[in-house]
Amino acid sequence: MLTGLSMVHVPYRGAGPALTGLLGNQVQVYFSPLSAAIEYVKTGKLRALAVTTATRSEALADLPTMNEFVPDYEASNWYGIGAPKKTRAEIVDKLNKETNVVLADQRMRARIADLGETVLGGSPADAAKQIAAETDKWAKVVKFANVKVD
């Protein structure tokens, strides 16, 4: 959408098969989660072109971001922990508190950084804001690309 580039989507059942397709020259480019591809990049089996996150990865600090070439480009995978809607507030608060304790642990942070990922942490309200912002951003892309549900 930001570049006018046209690509053919090749569906794979996960990062493993997609990376196999890329390594086997069955596809020419793959937007991989960094954690899935980082070892291939570090060992020289794959050439990373850029990260799609807003900031450079600490694990591959010399690798540019896409937004250094394409202004306003940002696409990142992120993970959250959810609970059923009617879960009691004290349980949600306890889960959130304990999750943030784990994410603050320096060994955990170092391991996550080694995988090329970034720790976010935060509150349920922070997660709700993230979900709303992502929904708005990707809704524009879906509309622009005229994506239809099969």
Protein backbone atom coordinates (compact mmCIF):
# COMPACT_ATOMS: atom_id res chain seq x y z
CA MET A 1 0.00 0.00 0.00
CA LEU A 2 2.81 2.42 0.88
CA THR A 3 5.03 1.44 -2.06
CA GLY A 4 2.68 0.39 -4.83
CA LEU A 5 4.59 -2.88 -5.00
CA SER A 6 2.64 -5.91 -6.19
CA MET A 7 3.48 -9.32 -4.72
CA VAL A 8 1.88 -12.72 -5.00
CA HIS A 9 0.91 -14.20 -1.64
CA VAL A 10 2.07 -17.79 -1.24
CA PRO A 11 0.33 -19.40 1.75
CA TYR A 12 2.36 -21.65 4.04
CA ARG A 13 1.32 -23.43 7.20
CA GLY A 14 3.63 -21.53 9.53
CA ALA A 15 7.13 -20.09 9.72
CA GLY A 16 8.93 -23.44 9.44
CA PRO A 17 7.53 -24.41 6.04
CA ALA A 18 7.79 -20.80 4.81
CA LEU A 19 11.47 -20.63 5.79
CA THR A 20 12.04 -23.96 4.04
CA GLY A 21 10.44 -22.48 0.92
CA LEU A 22 12.68 -19.43 1.15
CA LEU A 23 15.84 -21.45 1.78
CA GLY A 24 14.91 -23.71 -1.13
CA ASN A 25 14.37 -20.77 -3.50
CA GLN A 26 10.68 -21.61 -3.91
CA VAL A 27 9.87 -18.04 -2.85
CA GLN A 28 12.06 -14.95 -3.10
CA VAL A 29 10.98 -13.01 -0.02
CA TYR A 30 9.36 -13.80 3.30
CA PHE A 31 8.25 -11.46 6.06
CA SER A 32 9.27 -13.73 8.92
CA PRO A 33 9.01 -13.24 12.65
CA LEU A 34 12.58 -12.41 13.60
CA SER A 35 12.60 -15.10 16.26
CA ALA A 36 11.97 -17.74 13.57
CA ALA A 37 14.67 -16.53 11.17
CA ILE A 38 17.38 -15.00 13.36
CA GLU A 39 19.63 -18.07 13.47
CA TYR A 40 19.52 -18.38 9.67
CA VAL A 41 20.48 -14.70 9.42
CA LYS A 42 23.28 -14.98 12.00
CA THR A 43 24.74 -18.05 10.25
CA GLY A 44 24.54 -16.43 6.82
CA LYS A 45 21.99 -18.86 5.40
CA LEU A 46 19.56 -15.98 4.86
CA ARG A 47 20.16 -12.35 4.05
CA ALA A 48 17.90 -10.08 6.05
CA LEU A 49 16.93 -6.91 4.23
CA ALA A 50 15.25 -4.98 7.05
CA VAL A 51 13.12 -5.35 10.14
CA THR A 52 9.53 -4.23 9.88
CA THR A 53 9.32 -2.90 13.42
CA ALA A 54 9.42 0.84 14.12
CA THR A 55 12.89 0.56 15.69
CA ARG A 56 15.96 -1.52 14.95
CA SER A 57 16.41 -4.86 16.65
CA GLU A 58 19.00 -5.00 19.41
CA ALA A 59 19.92 -8.50 18.19
CA LEU A 60 20.71 -7.25 14.66
CA ALA A 61 21.53 -3.61 15.30
CA ASP A 62 23.07 -3.03 11.84
CA LEU A 63 19.90 -4.16 10.10
CA PRO A 64 17.82 -1.14 9.02
CA THR A 65 14.11 -0.74 9.58
CA MET A 66 11.70 -0.69 6.65
CA ASN A 67 10.61 2.80 7.66
CA GLU A 68 14.13 4.03 6.90
CA PHE A 69 13.25 3.32 3.25
CA VAL A 70 9.45 3.50 3.29
CA PRO A 71 8.20 6.28 5.61
CA ASP A 72 5.47 5.24 8.05
CA TYR A 73 6.01 1.51 7.42
CA GLU A 74 5.60 -0.55 10.58
CA ALA A 75 4.38 -4.09 10.92
CA SER A 76 5.22 -6.25 13.87
CA ASN A 77 4.13 -9.43 15.53
CA TRP A 78 3.17 -9.12 19.14
CA TYR A 79 1.76 -11.50 21.65
CA GLY A 80 -0.58 -11.03 24.56
CA ILE A 81 -2.28 -13.08 27.20
CA GLY A 82 -6.06 -13.13 27.23
CA ALA A 83 -8.77 -14.41 29.51
CA PRO A 84 -12.50 -14.94 29.01
CA LYS A 85 -14.48 -11.69 29.02
CA LYS A 86 -16.23 -12.37 32.35
CA THR A 87 -13.03 -13.23 34.25
CA ARG A 88 -13.07 -11.49 37.64
CA ALA A 89 -10.99 -8.31 37.81
CA GLU A 90 -8.85 -9.60 40.70
CA ILE A 91 -7.83 -12.63 38.61
CA VAL A 92 -6.99 -10.45 35.60
CA ASP A 93 -4.97 -8.14 37.87
CA LYS A 94 -3.08 -11.08 39.40
CA LEU A 95 -2.29 -12.58 35.97
CA ASN A 96 -1.17 -9.18 34.71
CA LYS A 97 1.02 -8.53 37.76
CA GLU A 98 2.71 -11.92 37.61
CA THR A 99 3.22 -11.73 33.85
CA ASN A 100 4.91 -8.35 34.22
CA VAL A 101 7.14 -9.77 36.98
CA VAL A 102 8.32 -12.49 34.61
CA LEU A 103 8.83 -10.01 31.79
CA ALA A 104 10.90 -7.77 34.08
CA ASP A 105 13.31 -10.63 34.93
CA GLN A 106 16.67 -9.82 33.33
CA ARG A 107 17.31 -13.43 32.26
CA MET A 108 13.93 -13.54 30.53
CA ARG A 109 14.53 -10.17 28.89
CA ALA A 110 17.96 -11.30 27.68
CA ARG A 111 16.56 -14.53 26.22
CA ILE A 112 13.77 -12.66 24.45
CA ALA A 113 16.31 -10.12 23.12
CA ASP A 114 18.51 -12.97 21.83
CA LEU A 115 15.54 -14.07 19.75
CA GLY A 116 15.33 -10.58 18.27
CA GLU A 117 12.17 -9.70 20.12
CA THR A 118 11.27 -6.80 22.42
CA VAL A 119 9.45 -7.01 25.74
CA LEU A 120 6.43 -4.73 26.02
CA GLY A 121 4.58 -5.67 29.20
CA GLY A 122 1.97 -3.30 30.53
CA SER A 123 -1.61 -3.27 31.72
CA PRO A 124 -4.87 -4.64 30.30
CA ALA A 125 -5.67 -1.04 29.29
CA ASP A 126 -2.35 -0.88 27.39
CA ALA A 127 -3.26 -4.11 25.60
CA ALA A 128 -6.70 -2.75 24.69
CA LYS A 129 -5.07 0.37 23.19
CA GLN A 130 -2.64 -1.82 21.22
CA ILE A 131 -5.46 -3.98 19.88
CA ALA A 132 -7.52 -0.92 18.88
CA ALA A 133 -4.56 0.71 17.10
CA GLU A 134 -3.65 -2.50 15.26
CA THR A 135 -7.28 -3.09 14.27
CA ASP A 136 -7.51 0.43 12.83
CA LYS A 137 -4.19 0.14 10.97
CA TRP A 138 -4.89 -3.26 9.41
CA ALA A 139 -8.50 -2.40 8.56
CA LYS A 140 -7.11 0.30 6.25
CA VAL A 141 -4.81 -2.24 4.60
CA VAL A 142 -7.63 -4.77 4.18
CA LYS A 143 -9.84 -2.10 2.61
CA PHE A 144 -7.06 -0.85 0.32
CA ALA A 145 -6.23 -4.40 -0.83
CA ASN A 146 -9.93 -5.20 -1.29
CA VAL A 147 -9.49 -8.38 0.74
CA LYS A 148 -12.50 -10.69 0.73
CA VAL A 149 -13.23 -13.60 3.04
CA ASP A 150 -13.34 -16.92 1.18
